[in-house]
């Protein structure tokens, strides 16, 4: 039986891809940001997931105003890095897992989620930057990826409650897949940031860290945050955090934090990162994990 063994939350700031690609990840500005992922990179080498369900949003690379799916799942064999205006990132192609992806798609649709099925698309920084942050610069990505794109760009985005419920349905789908697979689910995007208007550059560290606090534990109050609160407290792009709720919903009733990282600034954005385990009540060793908040203003 396949099982979801961990969830990862991470910002997917495009500038981090540039820093990685240009070898600036340890300079004075980017060093503290990338250092917050060192623990995770070491941990991933031991975890060795077979498949990652990677929740992200497309930035007008695969979709535009012609077609705007609320939830789209990639069921293809391979996805190339998108050209976002300055050429594709020099990173490996992303290998899909069609058998698992089609199984999840069927399960979700029969569970009354109206999924858009995508067999061919380019994947942009929303998907490739988290892979770089967690895996560095390998010749090929060490596991397969099922892309799950969410509309958080054009009104109306899905509610936090619907995203959490989708995560619960994904867990059910994965656990009904007969192959023995170690599956992780990642929620990307966020944290507080606004790219336009009078509040451009908004960062709300207090709200961000409260959100991180509530990702762990057995409370589901995050699923009930209304859209207006994301807009008011985290800026117009803060709505990306609903994608983290898909990850959290897939971990079950309770989750424990293994690692936590928060840093400001990152390209006029707050960067957040967290590694979670489903909490079955048995507990596990937290020794060696970095649970500190770094550079919080």
Protein backbone atom coordinates (compact mmCIF):
# COMPACT_ATOMS: atom_id res chain seq x y z
CA UNK A 1 0.00 0.00 0.00
CA UNK A 2 1.20 3.49 -0.78
CA UNK A 3 1.34 5.88 2.15
CA UNK A 4 1.93 9.58 2.77
CA UNK A 5 4.86 9.72 5.16
CA UNK A 6 5.54 13.45 5.36
CA UNK A 7 4.40 16.88 4.31
CA UNK A 8 6.59 19.83 3.38
CA UNK A 9 5.58 23.48 3.21
CA UNK A 10 7.77 25.96 1.38
CA UNK A 11 7.70 29.31 -0.35
CA UNK A 12 8.56 29.14 -4.04
CA UNK A 13 10.11 32.58 -4.60
CA UNK A 14 11.43 32.72 -8.20
CA UNK A 15 14.56 34.64 -7.20
CA UNK A 16 15.70 31.60 -5.22
CA UNK A 17 15.86 29.66 -8.47
CA UNK A 18 18.06 32.38 -9.93
CA UNK A 19 20.32 32.32 -6.87
CA UNK A 20 20.66 28.55 -7.09
CA UNK A 21 21.29 28.54 -10.82
CA UNK A 22 23.93 31.31 -10.57
CA UNK A 23 25.73 29.84 -7.55
CA UNK A 24 24.75 32.66 -5.20
CA UNK A 25 23.00 30.45 -2.65
CA UNK A 26 25.72 30.97 -0.01
CA UNK A 27 26.39 34.68 -0.44
CA UNK A 28 25.59 37.26 2.23
CA UNK A 29 21.99 37.82 1.12
CA UNK A 30 20.87 34.33 0.12
CA UNK A 31 22.99 32.30 2.53
CA UNK A 32 20.63 32.57 5.54
CA UNK A 33 17.68 31.61 3.34
CA UNK A 34 19.28 28.48 1.89
CA UNK A 35 20.80 27.52 5.27
CA UNK A 36 17.26 27.02 6.55
CA UNK A 37 16.90 24.15 4.08
CA UNK A 38 20.16 22.37 4.99
CA UNK A 39 18.43 20.19 7.58
CA UNK A 40 15.77 19.20 5.06
CA UNK A 41 18.25 18.29 2.35
CA UNK A 42 20.06 15.94 4.75
CA UNK A 43 16.75 14.51 5.96
CA UNK A 44 15.57 13.90 2.40
CA UNK A 45 18.65 11.79 1.69
CA UNK A 46 17.55 9.46 4.47
CA UNK A 47 13.83 9.55 3.65
CA UNK A 48 14.21 8.82 -0.07
CA UNK A 49 10.60 9.33 -1.16
CA UNK A 50 9.45 7.49 -4.26
CA UNK A 51 6.92 10.14 -5.30
CA UNK A 52 6.14 13.73 -4.35
CA UNK A 53 2.68 15.16 -4.86
CA UNK A 54 3.71 18.76 -5.40
CA UNK A 55 1.00 21.38 -4.91
CA UNK A 56 1.84 24.69 -6.58
CA UNK A 57 0.33 27.43 -8.71
CA UNK A 58 1.12 28.11 -12.33
CA UNK A 59 2.25 31.65 -13.20
CA UNK A 60 0.82 31.94 -16.74
CA UNK A 61 3.22 29.30 -18.06
CA UNK A 62 0.89 26.35 -18.66
CA UNK A 63 -2.41 28.21 -18.19
CA UNK A 64 -3.62 31.69 -19.09
CA UNK A 65 -6.95 33.52 -19.16
CA UNK A 66 -8.11 31.10 -21.87
CA UNK A 67 -8.25 28.19 -19.43
CA UNK A 68 -8.19 28.56 -15.63
CA UNK A 69 -8.66 25.24 -13.82
CA UNK A 70 -9.27 25.46 -10.08
CA UNK A 71 -7.50 22.12 -9.49
CA UNK A 72 -5.40 20.42 -12.19
CA UNK A 73 -3.44 17.18 -11.79
CA UNK A 74 -0.55 16.21 -14.06
CA UNK A 75 -0.86 12.64 -15.28
CA UNK A 76 1.94 12.73 -17.85
CA UNK A 77 5.28 10.96 -18.12
CA UNK A 78 7.53 14.04 -18.11
CA UNK A 79 7.38 17.82 -17.65
CA UNK A 80 9.94 20.27 -18.99
CA UNK A 81 10.91 23.50 -17.18
CA UNK A 82 8.95 26.44 -18.54
CA UNK A 83 10.42 29.48 -20.25
CA UNK A 84 9.20 32.31 -18.04
CA UNK A 85 10.70 35.06 -20.20
CA UNK A 86 14.42 34.49 -19.71
CA UNK A 87 14.73 30.91 -20.92
CA UNK A 88 13.98 27.63 -19.11
CA UNK A 89 15.81 27.06 -15.83
CA UNK A 90 18.89 24.81 -16.23
CA UNK A 91 17.36 22.06 -14.09
CA UNK A 92 16.39 18.48 -14.96
CA UNK A 93 13.07 17.59 -16.52
CA UNK A 94 10.50 16.42 -13.99
CA UNK A 95 9.55 12.73 -14.26
CA UNK A 96 5.89 12.03 -13.53
CA UNK A 97 4.22 8.93 -12.11
CA UNK A 98 1.24 8.38 -14.45
CA UNK A 99 -0.08 5.27 -12.70
CA UNK A 100 -0.37 6.97 -9.32
CA UNK A 101 -1.55 10.24 -10.85
CA UNK A 102 -4.37 8.60 -12.81
CA UNK A 103 -5.36 6.61 -9.73
CA UNK A 104 -5.53 9.81 -7.66
CA UNK A 105 -7.46 11.61 -10.42
CA UNK A 106 -10.04 8.83 -10.63
CA UNK A 107 -10.40 8.62 -6.86
CA UNK A 108 -10.79 12.40 -6.48
CA UNK A 109 -13.36 12.69 -9.27
CA UNK A 110 -15.40 9.82 -7.84
CA UNK A 111 -15.06 11.61 -4.49
CA UNK A 112 -16.80 14.58 -6.18
CA UNK A 113 -13.77 16.82 -6.79
CA UNK A 114 -13.88 18.18 -10.34
CA UNK A 115 -10.25 17.75 -11.38
CA UNK A 116 -8.73 18.92 -14.64
CA UNK A 117 -6.44 16.22 -16.05
CA UNK A 118 -3.27 17.47 -17.75
CA UNK A 119 -1.03 15.15 -19.77
CA UNK A 120 1.32 17.75 -21.28
CA UNK A 121 2.47 21.01 -19.69
CA UNK A 122 5.58 22.97 -18.82
CA UNK A 123 6.24 23.54 -15.13
CA UNK A 124 7.47 26.89 -13.87
CA UNK A 125 9.27 28.16 -10.76
CA UNK A 126 6.27 27.30 -8.59
CA UNK A 127 7.27 23.64 -8.96
CA UNK A 128 10.99 23.70 -9.80
CA UNK A 129 12.17 26.11 -7.07
CA UNK A 130 10.92 23.88 -4.21
CA UNK A 131 12.69 20.93 -5.83
CA UNK A 132 15.92 22.95 -5.93
CA UNK A 133 15.55 24.05 -2.32
CA UNK A 134 15.04 20.47 -1.12
CA UNK A 135 17.40 18.60 -3.47
CA UNK A 136 20.06 21.09 -4.54
CA UNK A 137 21.51 20.59 -8.03
CA UNK A 138 21.29 16.90 -8.97
CA UNK A 139 21.77 15.62 -12.52
CA UNK A 140 18.23 14.32 -12.27
CA UNK A 141 15.57 14.70 -9.59
CA UNK A 142 15.81 11.74 -7.20
CA UNK A 143 12.10 10.90 -7.24
CA UNK A 144 9.01 11.18 -9.38
CA UNK A 145 6.55 14.04 -9.10
CA UNK A 146 2.79 14.34 -9.47
CA UNK A 147 2.10 18.04 -10.14
CA UNK A 148 -1.10 19.46 -8.65
CA UNK A 149 -1.77 23.01 -9.83
CA UNK A 150 -4.19 25.27 -7.94
CA UNK A 151 -5.67 28.55 -9.12
CA UNK A 152 -4.66 31.23 -6.62
CA UNK A 153 -4.03 33.86 -9.29
CA UNK A 154 -7.48 34.74 -10.63
CA UNK A 155 -10.61 35.31 -8.58
CA UNK A 156 -12.19 33.19 -7.20
CA UNK A 157 -9.56 30.89 -5.67
CA UNK A 158 -10.74 27.81 -3.77
CA UNK A 159 -11.50 28.19 -0.07
CA UNK A 160 -9.14 26.94 2.60
CA UNK A 161 -11.80 24.47 3.67
CA UNK A 162 -12.06 23.01 0.17
CA UNK A 163 -8.27 22.75 -0.05
CA UNK A 164 -8.05 20.95 3.28
CA UNK A 165 -10.81 18.56 2.19
CA UNK A 166 -8.95 17.92 -1.07
CA UNK A 167 -5.91 16.94 0.98
CA UNK A 168 -8.01 14.49 2.96
CA UNK A 169 -9.28 12.97 -0.29
CA UNK A 170 -5.73 12.73 -1.66
CA UNK A 171 -4.67 10.78 1.44
CA UNK A 172 -7.56 8.38 0.88
CA UNK A 173 -6.60 7.99 -2.78
CA UNK A 174 -2.93 7.33 -2.05
CA UNK A 175 -3.73 4.74 0.62
CA UNK A 176 -5.90 2.83 -1.85
CA UNK A 177 -3.06 2.57 -4.41
CA UNK A 178 -1.77 -1.03 -4.27
CA UNK A 179 1.92 -0.39 -5.00
CA UNK A 180 4.24 0.03 -2.00
CA UNK A 181 5.30 3.67 -2.34
CA UNK A 182 6.79 6.21 0.04
CA UNK A 183 4.85 9.36 -0.88
CA UNK A 184 5.36 12.90 0.32
CA UNK A 185 3.04 15.83 -0.29
CA UNK A 186 4.35 19.39 -0.57
CA UNK A 187 2.37 22.60 -0.29
CA UNK A 188 4.16 25.59 -1.82
CA UNK A 189 3.72 29.33 -2.24
CA UNK A 190 3.27 32.14 0.28
CA UNK A 191 4.00 33.48 2.80
CA UNK A 192 2.84 37.07 3.28
CA UNK A 193 3.60 39.18 0.24
CA UNK A 194 2.01 41.68 -2.09
CA UNK A 195 3.41 42.52 -5.50
CA UNK A 196 1.36 45.56 -6.47
CA UNK A 197 -0.65 48.52 -5.20
CA UNK A 198 -0.09 50.78 -2.18
CA UNK A 199 0.81 47.79 0.02
CA UNK A 200 3.43 46.33 -2.34
CA UNK A 201 6.17 44.79 -0.23
CA UNK A 202 3.84 43.95 2.67
CA UNK A 203 5.27 41.38 5.12
CA UNK A 204 3.38 40.36 8.26
CA UNK A 205 5.78 38.21 10.30
CA UNK A 206 3.41 37.88 13.25
CA UNK A 207 0.63 36.49 11.07
CA UNK A 208 3.03 34.22 9.18
CA UNK A 209 4.43 32.67 12.34
CA UNK A 210 0.95 32.19 13.77
CA UNK A 211 0.10 30.27 10.60
CA UNK A 212 3.20 28.11 11.03
CA UNK A 213 2.28 27.49 14.68
CA UNK A 214 -1.13 26.21 13.66
CA UNK A 215 0.08 23.89 10.90
CA UNK A 216 1.29 21.48 13.59
CA UNK A 217 -0.95 19.86 16.18
CA UNK A 218 -4.51 18.58 15.94
CA UNK A 219 -6.43 21.79 15.26
CA UNK A 220 -8.08 22.37 11.89
CA UNK A 221 -8.86 26.06 12.44
CA UNK A 222 -6.67 27.08 9.49
CA UNK A 223 -9.21 25.58 7.10
CA UNK A 224 -11.79 28.13 8.23
CA UNK A 225 -9.78 31.32 7.55
CA UNK A 226 -11.82 33.39 5.04
CA UNK A 227 -10.27 34.83 1.89
CA UNK A 228 -10.57 38.39 3.21
CA UNK A 229 -8.27 37.56 6.15
CA UNK A 230 -5.53 36.34 3.80
CA UNK A 231 -5.89 39.53 1.79
CA UNK A 232 -5.92 41.79 4.84
CA UNK A 233 -3.19 40.11 6.86
CA UNK A 234 -0.91 38.47 4.26
CA UNK A 235 -1.37 40.64 1.17
CA UNK A 236 -2.88 39.91 -2.20
CA UNK A 237 -0.48 37.01 -2.87
CA UNK A 238 -0.84 35.60 0.64
CA UNK A 239 -3.79 33.56 -0.64
CA UNK A 240 -1.17 31.10 -1.91
CA UNK A 241 -1.12 29.71 1.63
CA UNK A 242 -4.33 27.79 0.93
CA UNK A 243 -2.10 25.41 -1.03
CA UNK A 244 -0.32 24.52 2.21
CA UNK A 245 -3.69 23.39 3.55
CA UNK A 246 -3.94 20.68 0.88
CA UNK A 247 -0.68 19.30 2.26
CA UNK A 248 -1.86 19.61 5.86
CA UNK A 249 -5.21 17.97 5.16
CA UNK A 250 -3.40 15.01 3.62
CA UNK A 251 -1.46 14.35 6.84
CA UNK A 252 -4.53 13.35 8.84
CA UNK A 253 -6.02 14.58 12.08
CA UNK A 254 -2.73 15.60 13.69
CA UNK A 255 0.79 16.47 12.56
CA UNK A 256 4.12 17.05 14.26
CA UNK A 257 6.76 19.54 13.14
CA UNK A 258 10.24 18.17 12.46
CA UNK A 259 11.81 21.35 11.12
CA UNK A 260 10.84 25.00 10.80
CA UNK A 261 12.45 27.96 9.07
CA UNK A 262 11.25 31.54 8.61
CA UNK A 263 13.29 34.39 7.18
CA UNK A 264 12.81 38.01 6.13
CA UNK A 265 13.54 39.41 3.64
CA UNK A 266 13.52 37.28 0.55
CA UNK A 267 12.87 39.44 -2.51
CA UNK A 268 10.33 41.65 -0.65
CA UNK A 269 8.73 38.45 0.59
CA UNK A 270 8.69 36.42 3.77
CA UNK A 271 9.99 32.90 3.22
CA UNK A 272 8.57 30.07 5.25
CA UNK A 273 9.45 26.39 5.35
CA UNK A 274 8.23 23.51 7.50
CA UNK A 275 8.59 19.72 7.55
CA UNK A 276 5.74 17.74 9.12
CA UNK A 277 4.94 14.13 9.89
CA UNK A 278 1.51 12.59 10.34
CA UNK A 279 1.10 12.17 14.10
CA UNK A 280 -0.31 8.76 14.95
CA UNK A 281 0.17 9.33 18.67
CA UNK A 282 3.32 7.23 18.94
CA UNK A 283 5.69 10.19 18.73
CA UNK A 284 9.18 10.13 17.23
CA UNK A 285 12.65 11.44 17.87
CA UNK A 286 12.97 15.19 17.39
CA UNK A 287 16.69 15.25 18.24
CA UNK A 288 18.84 17.06 15.71
CA UNK A 289 15.94 18.88 14.10
CA UNK A 290 16.05 22.64 13.76
CA UNK A 291 12.84 24.07 15.12
CA UNK A 292 13.95 27.67 15.49
CA UNK A 293 12.59 30.71 13.72
CA UNK A 294 15.46 32.43 11.99
CA UNK A 295 15.77 36.14 11.25
CA UNK A 296 12.24 36.97 12.28
CA UNK A 297 11.92 40.75 12.58
